[in-house]
Amino acid sequence: MEFTGQAEVVGRIRADLEGLTGSRVRVRANMGRSKIVEREGILMQTHPSLFVVEVEEKRSRTARASYQYVDVLTRTVELTHPDSGEPVFPWLN
């Protein structure tokens, strides 16, 4: 895929996530060295190069985790709907 194609895909990912702001998502992130983190939370914000998910931690605490759109493109981060388990970006597969 050429650079302009990648930029268009990243733009589409961002646009789709802007439409999902305020909804629950499940995030599966490959953190390297065989460490995979799975979290569920609310998509809070989208920024030019990243998006923010607010997740519930132990003892009713909340934390914010940010991820880059490029990580979604490279499948380092996968987003699914928490109830159905369906991917948020079926067109990306």
N, C-alpha and C. Protein backbone atom coordinates (compact mmCIF):
# COMPACT_ATOMS: atom_id res chain seq x y z
N MET A 1 0.84 -1.17 0.00
CA MET A 1 0.00 0.00 0.00
C MET A 1 0.89 1.24 0.00
N GLU A 2 0.62 2.19 -0.85
CA GLU A 2 1.44 3.39 -0.92
C GLU A 2 1.05 4.37 0.19
N PHE A 3 1.89 5.39 0.37
CA PHE A 3 1.70 6.31 1.48
C PHE A 3 0.35 7.01 1.44
N THR A 4 -0.06 7.52 0.28
CA THR A 4 -1.34 8.22 0.21
C THR A 4 -2.48 7.26 0.53
N GLY A 5 -2.36 6.01 0.14
CA GLY A 5 -3.38 5.02 0.47
C GLY A 5 -3.46 4.79 1.96
N GLN A 6 -2.30 4.70 2.61
CA GLN A 6 -2.28 4.51 4.06
C GLN A 6 -2.89 5.71 4.76
N ALA A 7 -2.56 6.90 4.29
CA ALA A 7 -3.10 8.12 4.90
C ALA A 7 -4.62 8.16 4.77
N GLU A 8 -5.14 7.71 3.65
CA GLU A 8 -6.59 7.67 3.46
C GLU A 8 -7.25 6.67 4.39
N VAL A 9 -6.62 5.51 4.58
CA VAL A 9 -7.17 4.49 5.48
C VAL A 9 -7.14 5.01 6.92
N VAL A 10 -6.05 5.64 7.33
CA VAL A 10 -5.97 6.21 8.68
C VAL A 10 -7.05 7.28 8.85
N GLY A 11 -7.27 8.09 7.84
CA GLY A 11 -8.33 9.09 7.89
C GLY A 11 -9.70 8.47 8.03
N ARG A 12 -9.93 7.36 7.36
CA ARG A 12 -11.23 6.68 7.47
C ARG A 12 -11.39 6.07 8.86
N ILE A 13 -10.31 5.50 9.41
CA ILE A 13 -10.36 4.96 10.78
C ILE A 13 -10.73 6.07 11.75
N ARG A 14 -10.08 7.22 11.60
CA ARG A 14 -10.36 8.35 12.49
C ARG A 14 -11.81 8.81 12.36
N ALA A 15 -12.29 8.92 11.14
CA ALA A 15 -13.67 9.36 10.91
C ALA A 15 -14.67 8.38 11.52
N ASP A 16 -14.43 7.09 11.36
CA ASP A 16 -15.32 6.08 11.94
C ASP A 16 -15.32 6.18 13.46
N LEU A 17 -14.14 6.37 14.06
CA LEU A 17 -14.06 6.47 15.52
C LEU A 17 -14.71 7.75 16.03
N GLU A 18 -14.62 8.84 15.28
CA GLU A 18 -15.30 10.08 15.69
C GLU A 18 -16.80 9.83 15.82
N GLY A 19 -17.34 9.01 14.94
CA GLY A 19 -18.77 8.68 15.00
C GLY A 19 -19.12 7.79 16.17
N LEU A 20 -18.14 7.09 16.73
CA LEU A 20 -18.38 6.20 17.87
C LEU A 20 -18.05 6.83 19.22
N THR A 21 -17.70 8.12 19.23
CA THR A 21 -17.36 8.79 20.48
C THR A 21 -18.51 8.65 21.47
N GLY A 22 -18.18 8.23 22.69
CA GLY A 22 -19.19 8.04 23.74
C GLY A 22 -19.71 6.62 23.84
N SER A 23 -19.33 5.73 22.92
CA SER A 23 -19.81 4.35 22.98
C SER A 23 -18.75 3.42 23.55
N ARG A 24 -19.21 2.27 24.02
CA ARG A 24 -18.31 1.28 24.61
C ARG A 24 -17.61 0.47 23.52
N VAL A 25 -16.34 0.20 23.75
CA VAL A 25 -15.54 -0.63 22.84
C VAL A 25 -14.65 -1.55 23.66
N ARG A 26 -14.26 -2.64 23.04
CA ARG A 26 -13.29 -3.54 23.65
C ARG A 26 -12.00 -3.39 22.85
N VAL A 27 -10.90 -3.18 23.58
CA VAL A 27 -9.60 -2.94 22.95
C VAL A 27 -8.69 -4.12 23.28
N ARG A 28 -8.04 -4.65 22.26
CA ARG A 28 -7.05 -5.71 22.43
C ARG A 28 -5.75 -5.17 21.83
N ALA A 29 -4.76 -4.93 22.70
CA ALA A 29 -3.52 -4.30 22.26
C ALA A 29 -2.34 -5.24 22.48
N ASN A 30 -1.54 -5.41 21.44
CA ASN A 30 -0.32 -6.19 21.52
C ASN A 30 0.79 -5.26 21.99
N MET A 31 1.25 -5.45 23.22
CA MET A 31 2.24 -4.55 23.81
C MET A 31 3.67 -5.04 23.58
N GLY A 32 3.85 -6.11 22.83
CA GLY A 32 5.18 -6.63 22.56
C GLY A 32 5.60 -7.67 23.60
N ARG A 33 6.61 -8.44 23.27
CA ARG A 33 7.12 -9.49 24.16
C ARG A 33 6.01 -10.40 24.69
N SER A 34 5.11 -10.77 23.80
CA SER A 34 4.01 -11.68 24.10
C SER A 34 3.06 -11.16 25.16
N LYS A 35 3.02 -9.86 25.35
CA LYS A 35 2.09 -9.26 26.31
C LYS A 35 0.92 -8.64 25.56
N ILE A 36 -0.26 -9.17 25.82
CA ILE A 36 -1.47 -8.67 25.18
C ILE A 36 -2.40 -8.15 26.28
N VAL A 37 -2.86 -6.92 26.11
CA VAL A 37 -3.74 -6.29 27.09
C VAL A 37 -5.12 -6.16 26.48
N GLU A 38 -6.13 -6.65 27.20
CA GLU A 38 -7.51 -6.50 26.76
C GLU A 38 -8.24 -5.64 27.77
N ARG A 39 -8.90 -4.59 27.26
CA ARG A 39 -9.64 -3.67 28.10
C ARG A 39 -10.97 -3.34 27.45
N GLU A 40 -11.90 -2.94 28.28
CA GLU A 40 -13.19 -2.48 27.78
C GLU A 40 -13.46 -1.11 28.38
N GLY A 41 -13.91 -0.19 27.56
CA GLY A 41 -14.17 1.15 28.07
C GLY A 41 -14.96 1.98 27.08
N ILE A 42 -14.99 3.27 27.36
CA ILE A 42 -15.75 4.21 26.55
C ILE A 42 -14.79 5.05 25.72
N LEU A 43 -15.06 5.12 24.45
CA LEU A 43 -14.26 5.97 23.55
C LEU A 43 -14.56 7.42 23.89
N MET A 44 -13.58 8.12 24.45
CA MET A 44 -13.80 9.47 24.96
C MET A 44 -13.50 10.57 23.94
N GLN A 45 -12.33 10.49 23.29
CA GLN A 45 -11.90 11.57 22.42
C GLN A 45 -11.15 11.02 21.22
N THR A 46 -11.18 11.80 20.14
CA THR A 46 -10.33 11.53 19.00
C THR A 46 -9.49 12.77 18.75
N HIS A 47 -8.25 12.56 18.44
CA HIS A 47 -7.30 13.63 18.16
C HIS A 47 -6.70 13.37 16.78
N PRO A 48 -5.89 14.28 16.25
CA PRO A 48 -5.34 14.08 14.90
C PRO A 48 -4.58 12.77 14.70
N SER A 49 -3.86 12.28 15.71
CA SER A 49 -3.08 11.07 15.50
C SER A 49 -3.39 9.95 16.50
N LEU A 50 -4.27 10.19 17.47
CA LEU A 50 -4.58 9.16 18.45
C LEU A 50 -6.00 9.31 18.97
N PHE A 51 -6.48 8.26 19.67
CA PHE A 51 -7.79 8.30 20.30
C PHE A 51 -7.65 7.83 21.74
N VAL A 52 -8.59 8.25 22.58
CA VAL A 52 -8.51 8.00 24.02
C VAL A 52 -9.71 7.16 24.45
N VAL A 53 -9.41 6.09 25.21
CA VAL A 53 -10.45 5.22 25.77
C VAL A 53 -10.35 5.29 27.28
N GLU A 54 -11.48 5.55 27.94
CA GLU A 54 -11.51 5.56 29.40
C GLU A 54 -11.96 4.18 29.87
N VAL A 55 -11.09 3.52 30.65
CA VAL A 55 -11.35 2.16 31.10
C VAL A 55 -11.52 2.13 32.61
N GLU A 56 -12.33 1.17 33.07
CA GLU A 56 -12.51 0.98 34.50
C GLU A 56 -11.43 0.06 35.02
N GLU A 57 -10.80 0.49 36.09
CA GLU A 57 -9.77 -0.31 36.73
C GLU A 57 -10.35 -0.93 38.00
N LYS A 58 -9.53 -1.58 38.78
CA LYS A 58 -9.97 -2.16 40.05
C LYS A 58 -10.41 -1.07 41.02
N ARG A 59 -11.30 -1.44 41.92
CA ARG A 59 -11.79 -0.54 42.97
C ARG A 59 -12.48 0.70 42.40
N SER A 60 -13.20 0.53 41.33
CA SER A 60 -13.99 1.60 40.71
C SER A 60 -13.18 2.81 40.26
N ARG A 61 -11.92 2.64 40.02
CA ARG A 61 -11.09 3.71 39.49
C ARG A 61 -11.17 3.69 37.97
N THR A 62 -10.97 4.87 37.38
CA THR A 62 -10.93 4.93 35.93
C THR A 62 -9.55 5.39 35.48
N ALA A 63 -9.16 4.91 34.34
CA ALA A 63 -7.88 5.29 33.75
C ALA A 63 -8.13 5.58 32.28
N ARG A 64 -7.25 6.34 31.70
CA ARG A 64 -7.36 6.64 30.27
C ARG A 64 -6.18 6.02 29.54
N ALA A 65 -6.49 5.39 28.44
CA ALA A 65 -5.45 4.79 27.61
C ALA A 65 -5.59 5.39 26.21
N SER A 66 -4.46 5.74 25.63
CA SER A 66 -4.50 6.30 24.28
C SER A 66 -3.82 5.34 23.31
N TYR A 67 -4.34 5.33 22.10
CA TYR A 67 -3.84 4.45 21.05
C TYR A 67 -3.77 5.25 19.76
N GLN A 68 -2.86 4.87 18.88
CA GLN A 68 -2.71 5.56 17.60
C GLN A 68 -3.53 4.85 16.52
N TYR A 69 -4.02 5.64 15.57
CA TYR A 69 -4.78 5.08 14.45
C TYR A 69 -3.91 4.14 13.62
N VAL A 70 -2.63 4.45 13.53
CA VAL A 70 -1.71 3.61 12.77
C VAL A 70 -1.63 2.21 13.38
N ASP A 71 -1.74 2.12 14.72
CA ASP A 71 -1.72 0.82 15.38
C ASP A 71 -2.94 -0.01 15.00
N VAL A 72 -4.06 0.63 14.75
CA VAL A 72 -5.25 -0.07 14.26
C VAL A 72 -4.99 -0.58 12.85
N LEU A 73 -4.37 0.26 12.02
CA LEU A 73 -4.05 -0.11 10.64
C LEU A 73 -3.12 -1.32 10.60
N THR A 74 -2.11 -1.35 11.46
CA THR A 74 -1.14 -2.45 11.48
C THR A 74 -1.61 -3.65 12.31
N ARG A 75 -2.81 -3.53 12.87
CA ARG A 75 -3.43 -4.58 13.68
C ARG A 75 -2.70 -4.85 15.00
N THR A 76 -1.92 -3.88 15.47
CA THR A 76 -1.33 -3.96 16.80
C THR A 76 -2.42 -3.73 17.84
N VAL A 77 -3.42 -2.93 17.47
CA VAL A 77 -4.58 -2.67 18.31
C VAL A 77 -5.82 -3.09 17.53
N GLU A 78 -6.67 -3.89 18.18
CA GLU A 78 -7.91 -4.35 17.56
C GLU A 78 -9.08 -3.85 18.39
N LEU A 79 -10.10 -3.33 17.73
CA LEU A 79 -11.29 -2.83 18.40
C LEU A 79 -12.49 -3.68 18.01
N THR A 80 -13.27 -4.07 19.02
CA THR A 80 -14.48 -4.85 18.78
C THR A 80 -15.62 -4.26 19.60
N HIS A 81 -16.84 -4.59 19.21
CA HIS A 81 -18.01 -4.20 19.98
C HIS A 81 -18.09 -5.14 21.19
N PRO A 82 -18.29 -4.61 22.40
CA PRO A 82 -18.23 -5.45 23.60
C PRO A 82 -19.35 -6.49 23.68
N ASP A 83 -20.53 -6.19 23.16
CA ASP A 83 -21.64 -7.13 23.28
C ASP A 83 -21.59 -8.24 22.23
N SER A 84 -21.37 -7.86 20.99
CA SER A 84 -21.42 -8.84 19.90
C SER A 84 -20.07 -9.46 19.59
N GLY A 85 -18.97 -8.77 19.93
CA GLY A 85 -17.65 -9.27 19.58
C GLY A 85 -17.28 -9.01 18.13
N GLU A 86 -18.16 -8.31 17.41
CA GLU A 86 -17.90 -7.98 16.01
C GLU A 86 -16.83 -6.90 15.91
N PRO A 87 -15.95 -6.98 14.91
CA PRO A 87 -14.95 -5.93 14.75
C PRO A 87 -15.57 -4.58 14.42
N VAL A 88 -14.97 -3.52 14.93
CA VAL A 88 -15.45 -2.16 14.66
C VAL A 88 -15.17 -1.80 13.21
N PHE A 89 -14.08 -2.34 12.66
CA PHE A 89 -13.70 -2.05 11.28
C PHE A 89 -13.69 -3.33 10.45
N PRO A 90 -14.87 -3.86 10.08
CA PRO A 90 -14.90 -5.09 9.27
C PRO A 90 -14.29 -4.87 7.90
N TRP A 91 -14.31 -3.66 7.39
CA TRP A 91 -13.74 -3.35 6.07
C TRP A 91 -12.22 -3.39 6.07
N LEU A 92 -11.59 -3.39 7.25
CA LEU A 92 -10.13 -3.38 7.34
C LEU A 92 -9.53 -4.77 7.15
N ASN A 93 -10.33 -5.81 7.32
CA ASN A 93 -9.81 -7.17 7.22
C ASN A 93 -9.57 -7.54 5.84
